[in-house]
Amino acid sequence: FDDAVDAGYNAATALIKALEPEDLARYR
C-alpha cells in the first residue's frame, strides 16, 4: 500500500510542479 501511495503522490506532485502558473490557476 505505502509503495503505491508514494508513487502516486510523487507522480502527481511532479506533474503539478511542471504546470505553467496560468494552467495551475485554471485547475484551481
mmCIF file of all heavy atoms, coordinates in Angstrom:
data_MODEL
# 
_entry.id   MODEL 
# 
loop_
_atom_site.group_PDB 
_atom_site.id 
_atom_site.type_symbol 
_atom_site.label_atom_id 
_atom_site.label_alt_id 
_atom_site.label_comp_id 
_atom_site.label_asym_id 
_atom_site.label_entity_id 
_atom_site.label_seq_id 
_atom_site.pdbx_PDB_ins_code 
_atom_site.Cartn_x 
_atom_site.Cartn_y 
_atom_site.Cartn_z 
_atom_site.occupancy 
_atom_site.B_iso_or_equiv 
_atom_site.pdbx_formal_charge 
_atom_site.auth_seq_id 
_atom_site.auth_comp_id 
_atom_site.auth_asym_id 
_atom_site.auth_atom_id 
_atom_site.pdbx_PDB_model_num 
ATOM 1   N N   . PHE A 1 1  ? 0.822  -1.206 0.000   1.00 0.00 ? 1  PHE A N   1 
ATOM 2   C CA  . PHE A 1 1  ? 0.000  0.000  0.000   1.00 0.00 ? 1  PHE A CA  1 
ATOM 3   C C   . PHE A 1 1  ? 0.858  1.260  0.000   1.00 0.00 ? 1  PHE A C   1 
ATOM 4   O O   . PHE A 1 1  ? 0.677  2.162  -0.831  1.00 0.00 ? 1  PHE A O   1 
ATOM 5   C CB  . PHE A 1 1  ? -0.922 -0.021 1.225   1.00 0.00 ? 1  PHE A CB  1 
ATOM 6   C CG  . PHE A 1 1  ? -1.859 1.147  1.332   1.00 0.00 ? 1  PHE A CG  1 
ATOM 7   C CD1 . PHE A 1 1  ? -3.041 1.169  0.607   1.00 0.00 ? 1  PHE A CD1 1 
ATOM 8   C CD2 . PHE A 1 1  ? -1.567 2.225  2.156   1.00 0.00 ? 1  PHE A CD2 1 
ATOM 9   C CE1 . PHE A 1 1  ? -3.913 2.240  0.707   1.00 0.00 ? 1  PHE A CE1 1 
ATOM 10  C CE2 . PHE A 1 1  ? -2.427 3.300  2.263   1.00 0.00 ? 1  PHE A CE2 1 
ATOM 11  C CZ  . PHE A 1 1  ? -3.612 3.313  1.534   1.00 0.00 ? 1  PHE A CZ  1 
ATOM 12  N N   . ASP A 1 2  ? 1.789  1.352  0.920   1.00 0.00 ? 2  ASP A N   1 
ATOM 13  C CA  . ASP A 1 2  ? 2.592  2.571  1.060   1.00 0.00 ? 2  ASP A CA  1 
ATOM 14  C C   . ASP A 1 2  ? 3.429  2.841  -0.188  1.00 0.00 ? 2  ASP A C   1 
ATOM 15  O O   . ASP A 1 2  ? 3.578  3.998  -0.600  1.00 0.00 ? 2  ASP A O   1 
ATOM 16  C CB  . ASP A 1 2  ? 3.486  2.480  2.299   1.00 0.00 ? 2  ASP A CB  1 
ATOM 17  C CG  . ASP A 1 2  ? 2.676  2.471  3.588   1.00 0.00 ? 2  ASP A CG  1 
ATOM 18  O OD1 . ASP A 1 2  ? 1.681  3.217  3.663   1.00 0.00 ? 2  ASP A OD1 1 
ATOM 19  O OD2 . ASP A 1 2  ? 3.019  1.702  4.501   1.00 0.00 ? 2  ASP A OD2 1 
ATOM 20  N N   . ASP A 1 3  ? 3.985  1.783  -0.794  1.00 0.00 ? 3  ASP A N   1 
ATOM 21  C CA  . ASP A 1 3  ? 4.795  1.970  -2.006  1.00 0.00 ? 3  ASP A CA  1 
ATOM 22  C C   . ASP A 1 3  ? 3.959  2.588  -3.117  1.00 0.00 ? 3  ASP A C   1 
ATOM 23  O O   . ASP A 1 3  ? 4.402  3.513  -3.808  1.00 0.00 ? 3  ASP A O   1 
ATOM 24  C CB  . ASP A 1 3  ? 5.360  0.625  -2.486  1.00 0.00 ? 3  ASP A CB  1 
ATOM 25  C CG  . ASP A 1 3  ? 6.387  0.043  -1.532  1.00 0.00 ? 3  ASP A CG  1 
ATOM 26  O OD1 . ASP A 1 3  ? 6.922  0.815  -0.713  1.00 0.00 ? 3  ASP A OD1 1 
ATOM 27  O OD2 . ASP A 1 3  ? 6.647  -1.173 -1.603  1.00 0.00 ? 3  ASP A OD2 1 
ATOM 28  N N   . ALA A 1 4  ? 2.745  2.069  -3.295  1.00 0.00 ? 4  ALA A N   1 
ATOM 29  C CA  . ALA A 1 4  ? 1.886  2.571  -4.364  1.00 0.00 ? 4  ALA A CA  1 
ATOM 30  C C   . ALA A 1 4  ? 1.416  3.995  -4.085  1.00 0.00 ? 4  ALA A C   1 
ATOM 31  O O   . ALA A 1 4  ? 1.401  4.842  -4.987  1.00 0.00 ? 4  ALA A O   1 
ATOM 32  C CB  . ALA A 1 4  ? 0.687  1.642  -4.552  1.00 0.00 ? 4  ALA A CB  1 
ATOM 33  N N   . VAL A 1 5  ? 1.037  4.278  -2.827  1.00 0.00 ? 5  VAL A N   1 
ATOM 34  C CA  . VAL A 1 5  ? 0.581  5.628  -2.470  1.00 0.00 ? 5  VAL A CA  1 
ATOM 35  C C   . VAL A 1 5  ? 1.695  6.641  -2.723  1.00 0.00 ? 5  VAL A C   1 
ATOM 36  O O   . VAL A 1 5  ? 1.464  7.720  -3.292  1.00 0.00 ? 5  VAL A O   1 
ATOM 37  C CB  . VAL A 1 5  ? 0.118  5.672  -0.998  1.00 0.00 ? 5  VAL A CB  1 
ATOM 38  C CG1 . VAL A 1 5  ? -0.114 7.107  -0.548  1.00 0.00 ? 5  VAL A CG1 1 
ATOM 39  C CG2 . VAL A 1 5  ? -1.162 4.866  -0.825  1.00 0.00 ? 5  VAL A CG2 1 
ATOM 40  N N   . ASP A 1 6  ? 2.925  6.308  -2.325  1.00 0.00 ? 6  ASP A N   1 
ATOM 41  C CA  . ASP A 1 6  ? 4.057  7.218  -2.548  1.00 0.00 ? 6  ASP A CA  1 
ATOM 42  C C   . ASP A 1 6  ? 4.290  7.452  -4.041  1.00 0.00 ? 6  ASP A C   1 
ATOM 43  O O   . ASP A 1 6  ? 4.572  8.580  -4.466  1.00 0.00 ? 6  ASP A O   1 
ATOM 44  C CB  . ASP A 1 6  ? 5.325  6.643  -1.912  1.00 0.00 ? 6  ASP A CB  1 
ATOM 45  C CG  . ASP A 1 6  ? 5.293  6.700  -0.393  1.00 0.00 ? 6  ASP A CG  1 
ATOM 46  O OD1 . ASP A 1 6  ? 4.433  7.419  0.152   1.00 0.00 ? 6  ASP A OD1 1 
ATOM 47  O OD2 . ASP A 1 6  ? 6.118  6.006  0.252   1.00 0.00 ? 6  ASP A OD2 1 
ATOM 48  N N   . ALA A 1 7  ? 4.169  6.378  -4.846  1.00 0.00 ? 7  ALA A N   1 
ATOM 49  C CA  . ALA A 1 7  ? 4.373  6.519  -6.285  1.00 0.00 ? 7  ALA A CA  1 
ATOM 50  C C   . ALA A 1 7  ? 3.329  7.464  -6.893  1.00 0.00 ? 7  ALA A C   1 
ATOM 51  O O   . ALA A 1 7  ? 3.644  8.305  -7.745  1.00 0.00 ? 7  ALA A O   1 
ATOM 52  C CB  . ALA A 1 7  ? 4.315  5.154  -6.967  1.00 0.00 ? 7  ALA A CB  1 
ATOM 53  N N   . GLY A 1 8  ? 2.071  7.334  -6.462  1.00 0.00 ? 8  GLY A N   1 
ATOM 54  C CA  . GLY A 1 8  ? 1.025  8.215  -6.963  1.00 0.00 ? 8  GLY A CA  1 
ATOM 55  C C   . GLY A 1 8  ? 1.231  9.650  -6.538  1.00 0.00 ? 8  GLY A C   1 
ATOM 56  O O   . GLY A 1 8  ? 1.043  10.581 -7.331  1.00 0.00 ? 8  GLY A O   1 
ATOM 57  N N   . TYR A 1 9  ? 1.642  9.851  -5.286  1.00 0.00 ? 9  TYR A N   1 
ATOM 58  C CA  . TYR A 1 9  ? 1.878  11.205 -4.777  1.00 0.00 ? 9  TYR A CA  1 
ATOM 59  C C   . TYR A 1 9  ? 3.026  11.865 -5.522  1.00 0.00 ? 9  TYR A C   1 
ATOM 60  O O   . TYR A 1 9  ? 2.937  13.033 -5.937  1.00 0.00 ? 9  TYR A O   1 
ATOM 61  C CB  . TYR A 1 9  ? 2.177  11.155 -3.278  1.00 0.00 ? 9  TYR A CB  1 
ATOM 62  C CG  . TYR A 1 9  ? 2.351  12.523 -2.661  1.00 0.00 ? 9  TYR A CG  1 
ATOM 63  C CD1 . TYR A 1 9  ? 1.239  13.258 -2.250  1.00 0.00 ? 9  TYR A CD1 1 
ATOM 64  C CD2 . TYR A 1 9  ? 3.609  13.078 -2.492  1.00 0.00 ? 9  TYR A CD2 1 
ATOM 65  C CE1 . TYR A 1 9  ? 1.393  14.526 -1.688  1.00 0.00 ? 9  TYR A CE1 1 
ATOM 66  C CE2 . TYR A 1 9  ? 3.775  14.344 -1.940  1.00 0.00 ? 9  TYR A CE2 1 
ATOM 67  C CZ  . TYR A 1 9  ? 2.665  15.062 -1.537  1.00 0.00 ? 9  TYR A CZ  1 
ATOM 68  O OH  . TYR A 1 9  ? 2.811  16.307 -0.994  1.00 0.00 ? 9  TYR A OH  1 
ATOM 69  N N   . ASN A 1 10 ? 4.105  11.126 -5.713  1.00 0.00 ? 10 ASN A N   1 
ATOM 70  C CA  . ASN A 1 10 ? 5.280  11.692 -6.387  1.00 0.00 ? 10 ASN A CA  1 
ATOM 71  C C   . ASN A 1 10 ? 4.982  12.036 -7.843  1.00 0.00 ? 10 ASN A C   1 
ATOM 72  O O   . ASN A 1 10 ? 5.403  13.086 -8.347  1.00 0.00 ? 10 ASN A O   1 
ATOM 73  C CB  . ASN A 1 10 ? 6.455  10.710 -6.309  1.00 0.00 ? 10 ASN A CB  1 
ATOM 74  C CG  . ASN A 1 10 ? 6.960  10.521 -4.888  1.00 0.00 ? 10 ASN A CG  1 
ATOM 75  O OD1 . ASN A 1 10 ? 6.773  11.385 -4.035  1.00 0.00 ? 10 ASN A OD1 1 
ATOM 76  N ND2 . ASN A 1 10 ? 7.585  9.389  -4.612  1.00 0.00 ? 10 ASN A ND2 1 
ATOM 77  N N   . ALA A 1 11 ? 4.245  11.153 -8.526  1.00 0.00 ? 11 ALA A N   1 
ATOM 78  C CA  . ALA A 1 11 ? 3.924  11.400 -9.932  1.00 0.00 ? 11 ALA A CA  1 
ATOM 79  C C   . ALA A 1 11 ? 3.022  12.624 -10.073 1.00 0.00 ? 11 ALA A C   1 
ATOM 80  O O   . ALA A 1 11 ? 3.227  13.469 -10.953 1.00 0.00 ? 11 ALA A O   1 
ATOM 81  C CB  . ALA A 1 11 ? 3.261  10.172 -10.547 1.00 0.00 ? 11 ALA A CB  1 
ATOM 82  N N   . ALA A 1 12 ? 2.019  12.729 -9.209  1.00 0.00 ? 12 ALA A N   1 
ATOM 83  C CA  . ALA A 1 12 ? 1.107  13.870 -9.287  1.00 0.00 ? 12 ALA A CA  1 
ATOM 84  C C   . ALA A 1 12 ? 1.810  15.167 -8.896  1.00 0.00 ? 12 ALA A C   1 
ATOM 85  O O   . ALA A 1 12 ? 1.593  16.216 -9.525  1.00 0.00 ? 12 ALA A O   1 
ATOM 86  C CB  . ALA A 1 12 ? -0.109 13.629 -8.384  1.00 0.00 ? 12 ALA A CB  1 
ATOM 87  N N   . THR A 1 13 ? 2.658  15.112 -7.877  1.00 0.00 ? 13 THR A N   1 
ATOM 88  C CA  . THR A 1 13 ? 3.387  16.306 -7.449  1.00 0.00 ? 13 THR A CA  1 
ATOM 89  C C   . THR A 1 13 ? 4.289  16.815 -8.566  1.00 0.00 ? 13 THR A C   1 
ATOM 90  O O   . THR A 1 13 ? 4.357  18.032 -8.828  1.00 0.00 ? 13 THR A O   1 
ATOM 91  C CB  . THR A 1 13 ? 4.209  16.002 -6.195  1.00 0.00 ? 13 THR A CB  1 
ATOM 92  O OG1 . THR A 1 13 ? 3.333  15.602 -5.130  1.00 0.00 ? 13 THR A OG1 1 
ATOM 93  C CG2 . THR A 1 13 ? 5.005  17.218 -5.752  1.00 0.00 ? 13 THR A CG2 1 
ATOM 94  N N   . ALA A 1 14 ? 4.985  15.905 -9.240  1.00 0.00 ? 14 ALA A N   1 
ATOM 95  C CA  . ALA A 1 14 ? 5.858  16.310 -10.349 1.00 0.00 ? 14 ALA A CA  1 
ATOM 96  C C   . ALA A 1 14 ? 5.052  16.939 -11.476 1.00 0.00 ? 14 ALA A C   1 
ATOM 97  O O   . ALA A 1 14 ? 5.476  17.929 -12.094 1.00 0.00 ? 14 ALA A O   1 
ATOM 98  C CB  . ALA A 1 14 ? 6.643  15.103 -10.860 1.00 0.00 ? 14 ALA A CB  1 
ATOM 99  N N   . LEU A 1 15 ? 3.898  16.379 -11.745 1.00 0.00 ? 15 LEU A N   1 
ATOM 100 C CA  . LEU A 1 15 ? 3.040  16.913 -12.806 1.00 0.00 ? 15 LEU A CA  1 
ATOM 101 C C   . LEU A 1 15 ? 2.554  18.314 -12.456 1.00 0.00 ? 15 LEU A C   1 
ATOM 102 O O   . LEU A 1 15 ? 2.539  19.218 -13.305 1.00 0.00 ? 15 LEU A O   1 
ATOM 103 C CB  . LEU A 1 15 ? 1.854  15.972 -13.016 1.00 0.00 ? 15 LEU A CB  1 
ATOM 104 C CG  . LEU A 1 15 ? 0.970  16.219 -14.243 1.00 0.00 ? 15 LEU A CG  1 
ATOM 105 C CD1 . LEU A 1 15 ? 1.744  16.002 -15.529 1.00 0.00 ? 15 LEU A CD1 1 
ATOM 106 C CD2 . LEU A 1 15 ? -0.246 15.293 -14.210 1.00 0.00 ? 15 LEU A CD2 1 
ATOM 107 N N   . ILE A 1 16 ? 2.156  18.520 -11.213 1.00 0.00 ? 16 ILE A N   1 
ATOM 108 C CA  . ILE A 1 16 ? 1.668  19.830 -10.771 1.00 0.00 ? 16 ILE A CA  1 
ATOM 109 C C   . ILE A 1 16 ? 2.775  20.869 -10.845 1.00 0.00 ? 16 ILE A C   1 
ATOM 110 O O   . ILE A 1 16 ? 2.571  22.002 -11.301 1.00 0.00 ? 16 ILE A O   1 
ATOM 111 C CB  . ILE A 1 16 ? 1.102  19.728 -9.345  1.00 0.00 ? 16 ILE A CB  1 
ATOM 112 C CG1 . ILE A 1 16 ? -0.160 18.849 -9.340  1.00 0.00 ? 16 ILE A CG1 1 
ATOM 113 C CG2 . ILE A 1 16 ? 0.792  21.108 -8.776  1.00 0.00 ? 16 ILE A CG2 1 
ATOM 114 C CD1 . ILE A 1 16 ? -0.602 18.411 -7.959  1.00 0.00 ? 16 ILE A CD1 1 
ATOM 115 N N   . LYS A 1 17 ? 3.995  20.491 -10.417 1.00 0.00 ? 17 LYS A N   1 
ATOM 116 C CA  . LYS A 1 17 ? 5.117  21.437 -10.436 1.00 0.00 ? 17 LYS A CA  1 
ATOM 117 C C   . LYS A 1 17 ? 5.490  21.840 -11.860 1.00 0.00 ? 17 LYS A C   1 
ATOM 118 O O   . LYS A 1 17 ? 6.016  22.945 -12.083 1.00 0.00 ? 17 LYS A O   1 
ATOM 119 C CB  . LYS A 1 17 ? 6.332  20.816 -9.738  1.00 0.00 ? 17 LYS A CB  1 
ATOM 120 C CG  . LYS A 1 17 ? 6.197  20.735 -8.220  1.00 0.00 ? 17 LYS A CG  1 
ATOM 121 C CD  . LYS A 1 17 ? 7.446  20.144 -7.582  1.00 0.00 ? 17 LYS A CD  1 
ATOM 122 C CE  . LYS A 1 17 ? 7.326  20.127 -6.062  1.00 0.00 ? 17 LYS A CE  1 
ATOM 123 N NZ  . LYS A 1 17 ? 8.528  19.498 -5.422  1.00 0.00 ? 17 LYS A NZ  1 
ATOM 124 N N   . ALA A 1 18 ? 5.229  20.971 -12.818 1.00 0.00 ? 18 ALA A N   1 
ATOM 125 C CA  . ALA A 1 18 ? 5.568  21.259 -14.213 1.00 0.00 ? 18 ALA A CA  1 
ATOM 126 C C   . ALA A 1 18 ? 4.540  22.159 -14.892 1.00 0.00 ? 18 ALA A C   1 
ATOM 127 O O   . ALA A 1 18 ? 4.784  22.646 -16.010 1.00 0.00 ? 18 ALA A O   1 
ATOM 128 C CB  . ALA A 1 18 ? 5.707  19.955 -14.998 1.00 0.00 ? 18 ALA A CB  1 
ATOM 129 N N   . LEU A 1 19 ? 3.403  22.398 -14.246 1.00 0.00 ? 19 LEU A N   1 
ATOM 130 C CA  . LEU A 1 19 ? 2.366  23.231 -14.852 1.00 0.00 ? 19 LEU A CA  1 
ATOM 131 C C   . LEU A 1 19 ? 2.785  24.699 -14.886 1.00 0.00 ? 19 LEU A C   1 
ATOM 132 O O   . LEU A 1 19 ? 3.425  25.205 -13.961 1.00 0.00 ? 19 LEU A O   1 
ATOM 133 C CB  . LEU A 1 19 ? 1.060  23.110 -14.061 1.00 0.00 ? 19 LEU A CB  1 
ATOM 134 C CG  . LEU A 1 19 ? 0.296  21.786 -14.145 1.00 0.00 ? 19 LEU A CG  1 
ATOM 135 C CD1 . LEU A 1 19 ? -0.874 21.806 -13.167 1.00 0.00 ? 19 LEU A CD1 1 
ATOM 136 C CD2 . LEU A 1 19 ? -0.209 21.533 -15.553 1.00 0.00 ? 19 LEU A CD2 1 
ATOM 137 N N   . GLU A 1 20 ? 2.413  25.375 -15.962 1.00 0.00 ? 20 GLU A N   1 
ATOM 138 C CA  . GLU A 1 20 ? 2.585  26.823 -16.018 1.00 0.00 ? 20 GLU A CA  1 
ATOM 139 C C   . GLU A 1 20 ? 1.619  27.460 -15.017 1.00 0.00 ? 20 GLU A C   1 
ATOM 140 O O   . GLU A 1 20 ? 0.549  26.912 -14.734 1.00 0.00 ? 20 GLU A O   1 
ATOM 141 C CB  . GLU A 1 20 ? 2.291  27.335 -17.424 1.00 0.00 ? 20 GLU A CB  1 
ATOM 142 C CG  . GLU A 1 20 ? 3.238  26.829 -18.493 1.00 0.00 ? 20 GLU A CG  1 
ATOM 143 C CD  . GLU A 1 20 ? 4.666  27.348 -18.307 1.00 0.00 ? 20 GLU A CD  1 
ATOM 144 O OE1 . GLU A 1 20 ? 4.809  28.440 -17.702 1.00 0.00 ? 20 GLU A OE1 1 
ATOM 145 O OE2 . GLU A 1 20 ? 5.604  26.661 -18.738 1.00 0.00 ? 20 GLU A OE2 1 
ATOM 146 N N   . PRO A 1 21 ? 1.981  28.637 -14.466 1.00 0.00 ? 21 PRO A N   1 
ATOM 147 C CA  . PRO A 1 21 ? 1.117  29.271 -13.457 1.00 0.00 ? 21 PRO A CA  1 
ATOM 148 C C   . PRO A 1 21 ? -0.322 29.460 -13.920 1.00 0.00 ? 21 PRO A C   1 
ATOM 149 O O   . PRO A 1 21 ? -1.272 29.244 -13.156 1.00 0.00 ? 21 PRO A O   1 
ATOM 150 C CB  . PRO A 1 21 ? 1.802  30.621 -13.211 1.00 0.00 ? 21 PRO A CB  1 
ATOM 151 C CG  . PRO A 1 21 ? 3.245  30.369 -13.530 1.00 0.00 ? 21 PRO A CG  1 
ATOM 152 C CD  . PRO A 1 21 ? 3.241  29.376 -14.655 1.00 0.00 ? 21 PRO A CD  1 
ATOM 153 N N   . GLU A 1 22 ? -0.511 29.837 -15.216 1.00 0.00 ? 22 GLU A N   1 
ATOM 154 C CA  . GLU A 1 22 ? -1.879 30.053 -15.695 1.00 0.00 ? 22 GLU A CA  1 
ATOM 155 C C   . GLU A 1 22 ? -2.657 28.740 -15.788 1.00 0.00 ? 22 GLU A C   1 
ATOM 156 O O   . GLU A 1 22 ? -3.877 28.710 -15.589 1.00 0.00 ? 22 GLU A O   1 
ATOM 157 C CB  . GLU A 1 22 ? -1.878 30.767 -17.054 1.00 0.00 ? 22 GLU A CB  1 
ATOM 158 C CG  . GLU A 1 22 ? -1.148 30.037 -18.167 1.00 0.00 ? 22 GLU A CG  1 
ATOM 159 C CD  . GLU A 1 22 ? 0.326  30.409 -18.260 1.00 0.00 ? 22 GLU A CD  1 
ATOM 160 O OE1 . GLU A 1 22 ? 0.886  30.886 -17.251 1.00 0.00 ? 22 GLU A OE1 1 
ATOM 161 O OE2 . GLU A 1 22 ? 0.907  30.229 -19.347 1.00 0.00 ? 22 GLU A OE2 1 
ATOM 162 N N   . ASP A 1 23 ? -1.953 27.631 -16.083 1.00 0.00 ? 23 ASP A N   1 
ATOM 163 C CA  . ASP A 1 23 ? -2.621 26.336 -16.134 1.00 0.00 ? 23 ASP A CA  1 
ATOM 164 C C   . ASP A 1 23 ? -3.010 25.861 -14.732 1.00 0.00 ? 23 ASP A C   1 
ATOM 165 O O   . ASP A 1 23 ? -4.106 25.310 -14.530 1.00 0.00 ? 23 ASP A O   1 
ATOM 166 C CB  . ASP A 1 23 ? -1.722 25.299 -16.807 1.00 0.00 ? 23 ASP A CB  1 
ATOM 167 C CG  . ASP A 1 23 ? -1.542 25.558 -18.292 1.00 0.00 ? 23 ASP A CG  1 
ATOM 168 O OD1 . ASP A 1 23 ? -2.487 26.079 -18.903 1.00 0.00 ? 23 ASP A OD1 1 
ATOM 169 O OD2 . ASP A 1 23 ? -0.462 25.245 -18.830 1.00 0.00 ? 23 ASP A OD2 1 
ATOM 170 N N   . LEU A 1 24 ? -2.113 26.080 -13.770 1.00 0.00 ? 24 LEU A N   1 
ATOM 171 C CA  . LEU A 1 24 ? -2.433 25.708 -12.390 1.00 0.00 ? 24 LEU A CA  1 
ATOM 172 C C   . LEU A 1 24 ? -3.628 26.511 -11.898 1.00 0.00 ? 24 LEU A C   1 
ATOM 173 O O   . LEU A 1 24 ? -4.524 25.968 -11.228 1.00 0.00 ? 24 LEU A O   1 
ATOM 174 C CB  . LEU A 1 24 ? -1.220 25.943 -11.491 1.00 0.00 ? 24 LEU A CB  1 
ATOM 175 C CG  . LEU A 1 24 ? -1.393 25.576 -10.012 1.00 0.00 ? 24 LEU A CG  1 
ATOM 176 C CD1 . LEU A 1 24 ? -1.804 24.118 -9.845  1.00 0.00 ? 24 LEU A CD1 1 
ATOM 177 C CD2 . LEU A 1 24 ? -0.105 25.859 -9.237  1.00 0.00 ? 24 LEU A CD2 1 
ATOM 178 N N   . ALA A 1 25 ? -3.665 27.801 -12.241 1.00 0.00 ? 25 ALA A N   1 
ATOM 179 C CA  . ALA A 1 25 ? -4.803 28.643 -11.844 1.00 0.00 ? 25 ALA A CA  1 
ATOM 180 C C   . ALA A 1 25 ? -6.098 28.131 -12.460 1.00 0.00 ? 25 ALA A C   1 
ATOM 181 O O   . ALA A 1 25 ? -7.169 28.216 -11.845 1.00 0.00 ? 25 ALA A O   1 
ATOM 182 C CB  . ALA A 1 25 ? -4.549 30.085 -12.277 1.00 0.00 ? 25 ALA A CB  1 
ATOM 183 N N   . ARG A 1 26 ? -6.007 27.583 -13.665 1.00 0.00 ? 26 ARG A N   1 
ATOM 184 C CA  . ARG A 1 26 ? -7.187 27.036 -14.332 1.00 0.00 ? 26 ARG A CA  1 
ATOM 185 C C   . ARG A 1 26 ? -7.776 25.874 -13.531 1.00 0.00 ? 26 ARG A C   1 
ATOM 186 O O   . ARG A 1 26 ? -8.992 25.762 -13.381 1.00 0.00 ? 26 ARG A O   1 
ATOM 187 C CB  . ARG A 1 26 ? -6.780 26.581 -15.733 1.00 0.00 ? 26 ARG A CB  1 
ATOM 188 C CG  . ARG A 1 26 ? -7.853 25.901 -16.559 1.00 0.00 ? 26 ARG A CG  1 
ATOM 189 C CD  . ARG A 1 26 ? -7.207 25.398 -17.834 1.00 0.00 ? 26 ARG A CD  1 
ATOM 190 N NE  . ARG A 1 26 ? -8.126 24.661 -18.689 1.00 0.00 ? 26 ARG A NE  1 
ATOM 191 C CZ  . ARG A 1 26 ? -7.755 23.745 -19.564 1.00 0.00 ? 26 ARG A CZ  1 
ATOM 192 N NH1 . ARG A 1 26 ? -6.472 23.429 -19.688 1.00 0.00 ? 26 ARG A NH1 1 
ATOM 193 N NH2 . ARG A 1 26 ? -8.631 23.124 -20.316 1.00 0.00 ? 26 ARG A NH2 1 
ATOM 194 N N   . TYR A 1 27 ? -6.911 25.009 -12.998 1.00 0.00 ? 27 TYR A N   1 
ATOM 195 C CA  . TYR A 1 27 ? -7.407 23.870 -12.222 1.00 0.00 ? 27 TYR A CA  1 
ATOM 196 C C   . TYR A 1 27 ? -7.829 24.261 -10.818 1.00 0.00 ? 27 TYR A C   1 
ATOM 197 O O   . TYR A 1 27 ? -8.593 23.538 -10.181 1.00 0.00 ? 27 TYR A O   1 
ATOM 198 C CB  . TYR A 1 27 ? -6.338 22.776 -12.168 1.00 0.00 ? 27 TYR A CB  1 
ATOM 199 C CG  . TYR A 1 27 ? -6.046 22.167 -13.510 1.00 0.00 ? 27 TYR A CG  1 
ATOM 200 C CD1 . TYR A 1 27 ? -4.843 22.395 -14.172 1.00 0.00 ? 27 TYR A CD1 1 
ATOM 201 C CD2 . TYR A 1 27 ? -6.997 21.382 -14.152 1.00 0.00 ? 27 TYR A CD2 1 
ATOM 202 C CE1 . TYR A 1 27 ? -4.581 21.851 -15.425 1.00 0.00 ? 27 TYR A CE1 1 
ATOM 203 C CE2 . TYR A 1 27 ? -6.751 20.833 -15.406 1.00 0.00 ? 27 TYR A CE2 1 
ATOM 204 C CZ  . TYR A 1 27 ? -5.550 21.079 -16.027 1.00 0.00 ? 27 TYR A CZ  1 
ATOM 205 O OH  . TYR A 1 27 ? -5.307 20.551 -17.270 1.00 0.00 ? 27 TYR A OH  1 
ATOM 206 N N   . ARG A 1 28 ? -7.362 25.404 -10.350 1.00 0.00 ? 28 ARG A N   1 
ATOM 207 C CA  . ARG A 1 28 ? -7.759 25.888 -9.026  1.00 0.00 ? 28 ARG A CA  1 
ATOM 208 C C   . ARG A 1 28 ? -8.945 26.840 -9.087  1.00 0.00 ? 28 ARG A C   1 
ATOM 209 O O   . ARG A 1 28 ? -9.365 27.383 -8.070  1.00 0.00 ? 28 ARG A O   1 
ATOM 210 C CB  . ARG A 1 28 ? -6.596 26.636 -8.372  1.00 0.00 ? 28 ARG A CB  1 
ATOM 211 C CG  . ARG A 1 28 ? -5.465 25.771 -7.880  1.00 0.00 ? 28 ARG A CG  1 
ATOM 212 C CD  . ARG A 1 28 ? -4.338 26.660 -7.395  1.00 0.00 ? 28 ARG A CD  1 
ATOM 213 N NE  . ARG A 1 28 ? -3.297 25.932 -6.699  1.00 0.00 ? 28 ARG A NE  1 
ATOM 214 C CZ  . ARG A 1 28 ? -2.116 26.453 -6.364  1.00 0.00 ? 28 ARG A CZ  1 
ATOM 215 N NH1 . ARG A 1 28 ? -1.840 27.718 -6.684  1.00 0.00 ? 28 ARG A NH1 1 
ATOM 216 N NH2 . ARG A 1 28 ? -1.222 25.733 -5.732  1.00 0.00 ? 28 ARG A NH2 1 
# 
